[in-house]
Amino acid sequence: MKADINEFIAGLEKRTPGETEFHQAVEEVIGSIWDFYSKNPKYRKAKILERMVEPERVIMFRVPWVDDRGEVQINRGYRVEFNSALGPYKGGLRFHASVTLSILKFLGFEQTFKNSLTTLPMGGGKGGSDFSPKGKTDWEIMRFCQSFMTELYRHIGPNTDVPAGDIGVGGREIGYLFGQYKRLKNEFTGVLTGKGLAWGGGSLIRPEATGFGSVYFAQHMLHRIGKDIEGQTISVSGFGNVAWGTIIKINELGGKVVTISGPDGYIYDHEGIKGDKVQYLLELRATNNDIVEPYAKEFGAKFIAGKHPWEVPVDMAMPCATENELNLFDAMELVKNGCKLVAEASNMGCTAEAVEYLSEHIDYAPGKSVNAGGVAVSGLEMSQNSMRYNWSREEVDLRLKQIMKDIHETCVTYGKNGSRVNYVTGANVGGFVKVAEAMIAQGIV
């Protein structure tokens, strides 16, 4: 079996040289579903995996725009439309200097499985640009967004591809993108999610949804081992939308978050990040400076420069920042310090070595299952747009809770091994089955 997997990965690497993040994502999935795949000849005969790792469409384009000094700037835009077997392509747009085709392919591949797990009719896709809003004025961001959408609009639509926000793309950027789409198409449709409540048919709790859903999933993991979030001490990384929503819900459920982090280092606040401190995260993010040290100065907390928060002794950890933010050494530190659970709220937040170590020693669940609440509420926003109607905050939250419970049950169904659950296997096989069956039903397309 190992030889077959190695041959598959070697072939992929030959066809897609240099796409290391994409290769890592595929290898993680292949390793956990290969046995299931091999036992089902219909999947092998239809070459489902070979087809799954090839995006249906990759769009790459030039994005010219003019800065406030009147100078022309050039960025690169992308949309990776990975798999539409279950519905329109669905996945975020990321505006960050680190964006490459490899990163967007890994995210689009993961998104296909994640969207499948939600049980909602959504395919997988991802897009973005190497443009960073950091240090840019609102006028510059608007001009960039308008230029970006001037090309993207011809490839998306409410029944074709429905992008959302991601890193660097919040309510402001979604507003500018939607305005340009409406201008070009002369129609008001649900082509983007994460829109404003007042003007665009946005959904209540969408900004908090990824964090809320991640905590609901972690809560089910804890209940399975006879514990609860109440009374737990928790480390969180990042300080953006996902971390913010995660911290709000943990506080509501009686847990205590003691860390946040940024590119400059991490904050340790032994009193807990709650009350006005949570609101301050929004102010911190709005500065576009991408640093957390000001939090320490504002609230008298401890700032540790140039390090990740995983050295802090906690009961559970929730990576909420970016890919590969938790490595093998970090995983070993967490386990050594008594951490009992890691729920990955970021996409591929742990390195492959960290995933293997954590899965052997404690309960670990991957981002495609833990953070699926964000795209789930985006899917609910699509439904509300189609009905021209907004559900209440309570109704959206109730639906989100049920979706996360169903995802956890899927992971347990496909990942249970004796008294333990391998959440990686459960998420990957559970997500794979639905997509594979749809691909078979639709023929060789």
Protein backbone atom coordinates (compact mmCIF):
# COMPACT_ATOMS: atom_id res chain seq x y z
CA MET A 1 0.00 0.00 0.00
CA LYS A 2 2.82 2.41 0.91
CA ALA A 3 4.43 1.79 -2.49
CA ASP A 4 1.17 2.63 -4.26
CA ILE A 5 0.82 5.87 -2.31
CA ASN A 6 4.42 6.84 -3.02
CA GLU A 7 3.91 6.17 -6.72
CA PHE A 8 0.75 8.32 -6.74
CA ILE A 9 2.45 11.23 -4.94
CA ALA A 10 5.56 10.97 -7.14
CA GLY A 11 3.38 11.25 -10.23
CA LEU A 12 1.60 14.30 -8.79
CA GLU A 13 4.89 16.00 -7.90
CA LYS A 14 6.21 15.41 -11.40
CA ARG A 15 3.14 17.07 -12.92
CA THR A 16 3.08 19.96 -10.42
CA PRO A 17 6.69 20.79 -9.51
CA GLY A 18 7.32 23.18 -6.64
CA GLU A 19 3.75 23.11 -5.27
CA THR A 20 4.81 21.94 -1.82
CA GLU A 21 1.72 23.03 0.13
CA PHE A 22 -0.55 21.32 -2.39
CA HIS A 23 1.52 18.13 -2.27
CA GLN A 24 1.36 18.16 1.55
CA ALA A 25 -2.44 18.50 1.51
CA VAL A 26 -2.88 15.69 -1.01
CA GLU A 27 -0.45 13.37 0.80
CA GLU A 28 -2.29 13.87 4.10
CA VAL A 29 -5.61 12.95 2.48
CA ILE A 30 -4.28 10.07 0.39
CA GLY A 31 -2.55 8.47 3.36
CA SER A 32 -5.77 8.26 5.36
CA ILE A 33 -8.21 7.19 2.61
CA TRP A 34 -6.04 4.85 0.51
CA ASP A 35 -7.13 1.70 2.33
CA PHE A 36 -10.81 2.62 1.92
CA TYR A 37 -10.20 3.62 -1.71
CA SER A 38 -8.42 0.34 -2.48
CA LYS A 39 -11.28 -1.72 -1.07
CA ASN A 40 -13.79 -0.06 -3.41
CA PRO A 41 -12.95 -1.08 -7.01
CA LYS A 42 -15.56 1.27 -8.49
CA TYR A 43 -13.56 4.28 -7.26
CA ARG A 44 -10.29 2.96 -8.68
CA LYS A 45 -11.89 2.02 -11.99
CA ALA A 46 -13.30 5.54 -12.38
CA LYS A 47 -9.90 7.02 -11.37
CA ILE A 48 -11.65 9.16 -8.77
CA LEU A 49 -8.51 10.17 -6.87
CA GLU A 50 -6.59 10.93 -10.04
CA ARG A 51 -9.44 13.21 -11.09
CA MET A 52 -9.91 14.73 -7.64
CA VAL A 53 -6.35 16.07 -7.44
CA GLU A 54 -6.72 17.90 -10.76
CA PRO A 55 -8.69 21.17 -10.51
CA GLU A 56 -11.52 21.44 -13.01
CA ARG A 57 -10.30 24.93 -13.86
CA VAL A 58 -7.45 27.27 -12.85
CA ILE A 59 -7.83 30.96 -13.70
CA MET A 60 -4.81 33.26 -13.36
CA PHE A 61 -4.83 36.90 -14.36
CA ARG A 62 -3.10 40.27 -14.14
CA VAL A 63 -4.49 42.88 -11.72
CA PRO A 64 -3.29 46.41 -12.56
CA TRP A 65 -4.25 49.27 -10.24
CA VAL A 66 -3.11 52.78 -9.35
CA ASP A 67 -1.92 53.72 -5.86
CA ASP A 68 -2.51 57.07 -4.12
CA ARG A 69 0.73 58.48 -5.54
CA GLY A 70 -0.50 57.85 -9.06
CA GLU A 71 1.93 54.95 -9.62
CA VAL A 72 0.79 51.84 -11.48
CA GLN A 73 0.99 48.62 -9.47
CA ILE A 74 0.67 45.06 -10.76
CA ASN A 75 -0.50 42.03 -8.80
CA ARG A 76 -1.50 38.52 -9.79
CA GLY A 77 -5.04 37.22 -9.31
CA TYR A 78 -6.24 33.62 -9.13
CA ARG A 79 -9.36 31.49 -8.91
CA VAL A 80 -8.95 27.74 -8.55
CA GLU A 81 -12.27 26.04 -9.31
CA PHE A 82 -11.45 22.62 -7.94
CA ASN A 83 -14.53 20.41 -7.91
CA SER A 84 -18.20 21.07 -8.68
CA ALA A 85 -19.60 17.55 -8.21
CA LEU A 86 -21.75 18.65 -5.26
CA GLY A 87 -22.70 22.17 -6.32
CA PRO A 88 -21.33 25.58 -7.33
CA TYR A 89 -17.68 26.17 -6.44
CA LYS A 90 -17.50 27.68 -2.95
CA GLY A 91 -14.47 29.01 -1.11
CA GLY A 92 -12.80 32.20 0.00
CA LEU A 93 -10.63 34.85 -1.59
CA ARG A 94 -7.31 35.52 0.17
CA PHE A 95 -5.42 38.80 -0.27
CA HIS A 96 -1.95 38.33 1.20
CA ALA A 97 1.66 38.64 0.01
CA SER A 98 2.17 34.89 0.61
CA VAL A 99 -0.51 33.81 -1.89
CA THR A 100 0.74 31.44 -4.59
CA LEU A 101 -0.91 28.94 -6.88
CA SER A 102 0.32 26.10 -4.63
CA ILE A 103 -1.36 27.58 -1.55
CA LEU A 104 -4.63 28.18 -3.38
CA LYS A 105 -4.63 24.65 -4.82
CA PHE A 106 -4.09 23.19 -1.35
CA LEU A 107 -6.91 25.35 0.01
CA GLY A 108 -9.25 24.48 -2.87
CA PHE A 109 -8.51 20.77 -2.48
CA GLU A 110 -9.20 20.95 1.26
CA GLN A 111 -12.31 23.03 0.61
CA THR A 112 -13.80 20.25 -1.53
CA PHE A 113 -13.71 17.83 1.41
CA LYS A 114 -14.76 20.46 3.93
CA ASN A 115 -17.80 21.51 1.91
CA SER A 116 -18.76 17.88 1.45
CA LEU A 117 -18.72 17.39 5.23
CA THR A 118 -21.22 20.23 5.75
CA THR A 119 -23.83 18.20 3.77
CA LEU A 120 -24.74 21.43 1.91
CA PRO A 121 -24.73 21.46 -1.93
CA MET A 122 -21.39 23.19 -2.47
CA GLY A 123 -18.35 22.34 -4.55
CA GLY A 124 -14.80 23.41 -3.66
CA GLY A 125 -12.79 26.38 -4.84
CA LYS A 126 -10.38 29.06 -3.63
CA GLY A 127 -8.89 32.26 -4.99
CA GLY A 128 -7.12 35.48 -4.19
CA SER A 129 -4.09 37.58 -4.93
CA ASP A 130 -0.58 38.37 -3.72
CA PHE A 131 -1.89 41.86 -2.94
CA SER A 132 -1.81 42.73 0.77
CA PRO A 133 -4.22 45.29 2.28
CA LYS A 134 -1.62 45.92 5.00
CA GLY A 135 -0.49 49.55 4.85
CA LYS A 136 -2.92 50.45 2.04
CA THR A 137 -5.55 53.18 2.22
CA ASP A 138 -9.24 52.49 1.69
CA TRP A 139 -9.02 54.17 -1.72
CA GLU A 140 -6.14 51.91 -2.78
CA ILE A 141 -7.97 48.80 -1.55
CA MET A 142 -11.10 49.88 -3.42
CA ARG A 143 -9.21 50.42 -6.68
CA PHE A 144 -7.48 47.06 -6.35
CA CYS A 145 -10.76 45.24 -5.61
CA GLN A 146 -12.45 46.87 -8.59
CA SER A 147 -9.62 45.83 -10.91
CA PHE A 148 -9.58 42.30 -9.47
CA MET A 149 -13.34 41.89 -9.98
CA THR A 150 -13.19 43.33 -13.50
CA GLU A 151 -11.53 40.07 -14.53
CA LEU A 152 -13.03 37.67 -11.99
CA TYR A 153 -16.68 38.56 -12.65
CA ARG A 154 -16.79 36.65 -15.94
CA HIS A 155 -15.89 33.39 -14.15
CA ILE A 156 -18.29 33.50 -11.17
CA GLY A 157 -22.02 33.60 -10.50
CA PRO A 158 -24.65 32.47 -7.95
CA ASN A 159 -25.04 29.11 -9.71
CA THR A 160 -21.43 28.76 -10.89
CA ASP A 161 -18.91 29.96 -8.30
CA VAL A 162 -19.64 31.88 -5.09
CA PRO A 163 -16.49 33.29 -3.45
CA ALA A 164 -16.32 34.50 0.16
CA GLY A 165 -13.76 36.28 2.31
CA ASP A 166 -10.57 34.83 3.79
CA ILE A 167 -7.32 36.29 5.11
CA GLY A 168 -7.14 39.95 4.01
CA VAL A 169 -10.70 39.95 2.70
CA GLY A 170 -13.26 41.18 5.20
CA GLY A 171 -16.49 43.15 5.00
CA ARG A 172 -14.81 46.17 3.42
CA GLU A 173 -13.23 44.18 0.60
CA ILE A 174 -16.39 42.11 0.00
CA GLY A 175 -18.33 45.39 -0.31
CA TYR A 176 -15.96 46.79 -2.93
CA LEU A 177 -15.90 43.49 -4.85
CA PHE A 178 -19.69 43.16 -4.80
CA GLY A 179 -20.17 46.78 -5.91
CA GLN A 180 -17.98 46.23 -8.96
CA TYR A 181 -19.68 42.93 -9.82
CA LYS A 182 -23.10 44.61 -9.63
CA ARG A 183 -21.84 47.45 -11.80
CA LEU A 184 -20.44 45.12 -14.47
CA LYS A 185 -23.31 42.62 -14.55
CA ASN A 186 -26.18 45.03 -13.82
CA GLU A 187 -27.72 42.54 -11.42
CA PHE A 188 -28.07 42.12 -7.66
CA THR A 189 -27.43 38.44 -6.94
CA GLY A 190 -25.89 36.32 -4.20
CA VAL A 191 -22.57 36.01 -6.00
CA LEU A 192 -20.47 36.63 -2.88
CA THR A 193 -20.98 35.66 0.75
CA GLY A 194 -19.90 37.65 3.77
CA LYS A 195 -21.91 40.62 2.52
CA GLY A 196 -23.24 43.40 4.74
CA LEU A 197 -26.54 42.85 6.52
CA ALA A 198 -27.85 46.28 5.53
CA TRP A 199 -27.17 46.10 1.80
CA GLY A 200 -26.20 42.70 0.51
CA GLY A 201 -28.25 39.93 2.02
CA GLY A 202 -25.50 38.91 4.41
CA SER A 203 -26.12 36.37 7.15
CA LEU A 204 -26.16 37.00 10.86
CA ILE A 205 -23.19 35.45 12.76
CA ARG A 206 -21.20 35.01 9.50
CA PRO A 207 -18.17 36.93 10.87
CA GLU A 208 -18.14 34.71 13.98
CA ALA A 209 -19.14 31.47 12.25
CA THR A 210 -15.73 29.85 11.71
CA GLY A 211 -14.75 30.42 15.33
CA PHE A 212 -18.16 29.48 16.71
CA GLY A 213 -18.28 26.28 14.65
CA SER A 214 -14.74 25.34 15.67
CA VAL A 215 -15.68 25.58 19.34
CA TYR A 216 -18.89 23.58 18.82
CA PHE A 217 -16.80 20.84 17.17
CA ALA A 218 -14.21 20.92 19.96
CA GLN A 219 -17.03 20.70 22.48
CA HIS A 220 -18.25 17.45 20.88
CA MET A 221 -14.68 16.10 21.01
CA LEU A 222 -14.53 16.91 24.71
CA HIS A 223 -17.96 15.43 25.46
CA ARG A 224 -16.81 12.19 23.83
CA ILE A 225 -14.06 11.85 26.44
CA GLY A 226 -16.25 12.95 29.32
CA LYS A 227 -15.12 16.58 29.53
CA ASP A 228 -16.53 20.04 28.77
CA ILE A 229 -15.16 23.42 27.68
CA GLU A 230 -16.18 24.97 30.99
CA GLY A 231 -13.10 25.25 33.17
CA GLN A 232 -10.62 24.47 30.38
CA THR A 233 -7.56 26.67 29.78
CA ILE A 234 -7.04 27.13 26.04
CA SER A 235 -4.32 28.52 23.78
CA VAL A 236 -5.39 30.23 20.56
CA SER A 237 -3.14 31.52 17.79
CA GLY A 238 -3.81 34.46 15.49
CA PHE A 239 -5.95 37.49 16.35
CA GLY A 240 -8.13 37.79 13.25
CA ASN A 241 -11.68 36.78 12.51
CA VAL A 242 -11.29 33.09 13.35
CA ALA A 243 -9.49 33.69 16.66
CA TRP A 244 -11.98 36.43 17.58
CA GLY A 245 -15.03 34.20 17.03
CA THR A 246 -13.34 31.30 18.80
CA ILE A 247 -12.55 33.39 21.87
CA ILE A 248 -16.09 34.80 22.07
CA LYS A 249 -17.67 31.34 22.09
CA ILE A 250 -15.14 29.84 24.50
CA ASN A 251 -15.87 32.66 26.95
CA GLU A 252 -19.63 32.07 26.55
CA LEU A 253 -19.15 28.39 27.39
CA GLY A 254 -16.99 29.01 30.45
CA GLY A 255 -13.52 28.34 29.06
CA LYS A 256 -10.47 30.58 29.45
CA VAL A 257 -8.31 31.70 26.52
CA VAL A 258 -4.82 32.80 27.56
CA THR A 259 -2.99 33.44 24.25
CA ILE A 260 -3.22 35.16 20.88
CA SER A 261 -0.43 35.58 18.35
CA GLY A 262 0.78 37.45 15.29
CA PRO A 263 3.82 37.53 13.00
CA ASP A 264 5.68 39.49 15.69
CA GLY A 265 5.18 36.91 18.50
CA TYR A 266 2.50 35.93 20.99
CA ILE A 267 0.61 37.32 23.99
CA TYR A 268 0.22 35.40 27.25
CA ASP A 269 -2.59 36.80 29.39
CA HIS A 270 -2.99 34.60 32.47
CA GLU A 271 -6.18 36.45 33.50
CA GLY A 272 -7.89 35.40 30.27
CA ILE A 273 -8.81 37.28 27.08
CA LYS A 274 -12.35 38.44 27.83
CA GLY A 275 -14.58 41.50 28.05
CA ASP A 276 -13.06 44.66 26.54
CA LYS A 277 -9.99 42.65 25.53
CA VAL A 278 -12.02 40.74 22.92
CA GLN A 279 -13.37 43.99 21.46
CA TYR A 280 -9.79 45.29 21.33
CA LEU A 281 -8.90 42.48 18.91
CA LEU A 282 -11.17 44.13 16.34
CA GLU A 283 -9.38 47.45 16.83
CA LEU A 284 -6.02 45.71 16.56
CA ARG A 285 -7.03 44.04 13.30
CA ALA A 286 -8.45 47.27 11.85
CA THR A 287 -5.01 48.95 12.06
CA ASN A 288 -3.72 46.55 9.33
CA ASN A 289 -0.36 46.46 11.17
CA ASP A 290 -0.49 42.67 11.67
CA ILE A 291 1.10 42.74 15.14
CA VAL A 292 -0.08 41.84 18.65
CA GLU A 293 2.46 43.62 20.86
CA PRO A 294 0.11 46.63 21.36
CA TYR A 295 -2.25 44.28 23.28
CA ALA A 296 0.45 43.75 25.91
CA LYS A 297 0.92 47.49 26.31
CA GLU A 298 -2.84 48.09 26.49
CA PHE A 299 -3.65 45.44 29.12
CA GLY A 300 -0.37 44.71 30.89
CA ALA A 301 -0.08 41.18 29.51
CA LYS A 302 3.15 39.39 28.62
CA PHE A 303 4.50 39.64 25.05
CA ILE A 304 6.96 37.01 23.79
CA ALA A 305 8.60 38.13 20.57
CA GLY A 306 9.24 35.85 17.59
CA LYS A 307 7.60 32.72 19.04
CA HIS A 308 4.36 30.71 18.78
CA PRO A 309 2.07 30.21 21.82
CA TRP A 310 2.34 26.40 21.93
CA GLU A 311 4.92 26.41 24.74
CA VAL A 312 2.27 27.63 27.21
CA PRO A 313 0.81 24.80 29.38
CA VAL A 314 -2.91 24.47 28.53
CA ASP A 315 -5.70 21.89 28.52
CA MET A 316 -6.40 22.30 24.79
CA ALA A 317 -5.02 24.22 21.82
CA MET A 318 -6.78 25.76 18.82
CA PRO A 319 -4.56 27.00 15.96
CA CYS A 320 -6.50 29.84 14.30
CA ALA A 321 -3.91 31.62 12.14
CA THR A 322 -2.41 30.05 9.01
CA GLU A 323 -0.99 26.89 7.47
CA ASN A 324 1.89 24.96 9.12
CA GLU A 325 1.88 27.19 12.21
CA LEU A 326 2.30 24.24 14.61
CA ASN A 327 5.28 21.94 14.00
CA LEU A 328 6.51 18.67 15.53
CA PHE A 329 8.45 20.41 18.31
CA ASP A 330 5.34 22.45 19.20
CA ALA A 331 3.23 19.28 19.24
CA MET A 332 5.68 17.57 21.58
CA GLU A 333 5.68 20.62 23.89
CA LEU A 334 1.88 20.65 24.05
CA VAL A 335 1.68 16.95 24.91
CA LYS A 336 4.52 17.21 27.45
CA ASN A 337 2.71 20.10 29.16
CA GLY A 338 -0.53 18.13 29.53
CA CYS A 339 -2.58 19.30 26.56
CA LYS A 340 -5.35 16.77 25.92
CA LEU A 341 -6.86 18.02 22.66
CA VAL A 342 -5.91 20.01 19.55
CA ALA A 343 -8.71 21.31 17.32
CA GLU A 344 -7.32 22.91 14.17
CA ALA A 345 -9.38 26.00 13.33
CA SER A 346 -6.89 27.17 10.68
CA ASN A 347 -6.46 25.40 7.33
CA MET A 348 -3.70 22.77 7.58
CA GLY A 349 -2.44 24.59 10.68
CA CYS A 350 -0.23 21.66 11.71
CA THR A 351 2.68 20.24 9.76
CA ALA A 352 2.45 16.60 8.62
CA GLU A 353 4.88 15.51 11.35
CA ALA A 354 2.86 17.34 14.00
CA VAL A 355 -0.38 15.72 12.80
CA GLU A 356 1.17 12.25 13.02
CA TYR A 357 2.52 12.87 16.54
CA LEU A 358 -0.65 14.46 17.89
CA SER A 359 -2.89 11.74 16.43
CA GLU A 360 -0.83 9.10 18.25
CA HIS A 361 -0.83 10.80 21.65
CA ILE A 362 -3.99 12.90 22.09
CA ASP A 363 -7.25 13.78 20.30
CA TYR A 364 -6.51 15.87 17.22
CA ALA A 365 -8.96 17.03 14.54
CA PRO A 366 -8.02 18.69 11.21
CA GLY A 367 -9.21 22.04 9.89
CA LYS A 368 -11.45 20.59 7.20
CA SER A 369 -13.76 19.29 9.93
CA VAL A 370 -13.17 21.77 12.75
CA ASN A 371 -13.45 25.03 10.80
CA ALA A 372 -16.21 24.00 8.39
CA GLY A 373 -18.67 26.25 10.25
CA GLY A 374 -17.49 29.27 8.29
CA VAL A 375 -18.32 27.87 4.89
CA ALA A 376 -21.45 26.23 6.33
CA VAL A 377 -22.87 29.63 7.27
CA SER A 378 -21.78 30.93 3.86
CA GLY A 379 -23.91 28.13 2.42
CA LEU A 380 -26.78 29.22 4.65
CA GLU A 381 -26.26 32.78 3.36
CA MET A 382 -26.62 31.45 -0.20
CA SER A 383 -29.93 29.86 0.79
CA GLN A 384 -31.14 33.10 2.36
CA ASN A 385 -30.12 35.02 -0.77
CA SER A 386 -32.11 32.62 -2.95
CA MET A 387 -35.17 33.17 -0.75
CA ARG A 388 -34.58 36.95 -0.46
CA TYR A 389 -34.94 36.48 3.28
CA ASN A 390 -32.82 36.68 6.43
CA TRP A 391 -33.03 34.19 9.27
CA SER A 392 -32.64 35.35 12.86
CA ARG A 393 -29.33 35.08 14.69
CA GLU A 394 -30.78 32.25 16.80
CA GLU A 395 -31.94 30.28 13.76
CA VAL A 396 -28.58 30.54 11.98
CA ASP A 397 -26.74 29.55 15.16
CA LEU A 398 -29.08 26.58 15.68
CA ARG A 399 -28.43 25.37 12.13
CA LEU A 400 -24.68 25.84 12.61
CA LYS A 401 -24.74 23.79 15.83
CA GLN A 402 -26.55 20.95 14.05
CA ILE A 403 -24.14 21.01 11.10
CA MET A 404 -21.10 20.81 13.40
CA LYS A 405 -22.71 17.97 15.35
CA ASP A 406 -23.34 16.10 12.08
CA ILE A 407 -19.73 16.66 10.95
CA HIS A 408 -18.44 15.29 14.25
CA GLU A 409 -20.67 12.23 13.93
CA THR A 410 -19.38 11.66 10.38
CA CYS A 411 -15.79 11.80 11.66
CA VAL A 412 -16.59 9.30 14.40
CA THR A 413 -18.40 6.97 11.95
CA TYR A 414 -15.48 6.78 9.54
CA GLY A 415 -12.63 7.30 12.01
CA LYS A 416 -13.47 5.16 15.03
CA ASN A 417 -10.79 2.63 15.88
CA GLY A 418 -11.54 0.79 19.10
CA SER A 419 -12.09 3.31 21.87
CA ARG A 420 -10.33 6.11 19.99
CA VAL A 421 -11.28 8.21 16.98
CA ASN A 422 -8.82 9.13 14.25
CA TYR A 423 -10.41 12.40 13.22
CA VAL A 424 -8.08 12.79 10.22
CA THR A 425 -9.28 9.50 8.73
CA GLY A 426 -12.87 10.24 9.70
CA ALA A 427 -12.89 13.68 8.06
CA ASN A 428 -11.08 12.61 4.92
CA VAL A 429 -13.06 9.42 4.25
CA GLY A 430 -16.34 11.06 5.23
CA GLY A 431 -15.71 13.98 2.87
CA PHE A 432 -14.39 11.74 0.10
CA VAL A 433 -17.36 9.36 -0.09
CA LYS A 434 -19.96 11.98 -0.93
CA VAL A 435 -17.84 13.66 -3.61
CA ALA A 436 -16.77 10.33 -5.11
CA GLU A 437 -20.34 9.06 -5.37
CA ALA A 438 -21.44 12.29 -7.07
CA MET A 439 -18.54 12.10 -9.54
CA ILE A 440 -19.43 8.51 -10.45
CA ALA A 441 -23.10 9.41 -10.92
CA GLN A 442 -22.19 12.30 -13.27
CA GLY A 443 -19.91 10.26 -15.51
CA ILE A 444 -16.41 10.95 -16.78
CA VAL A 445 -16.48 14.75 -16.72
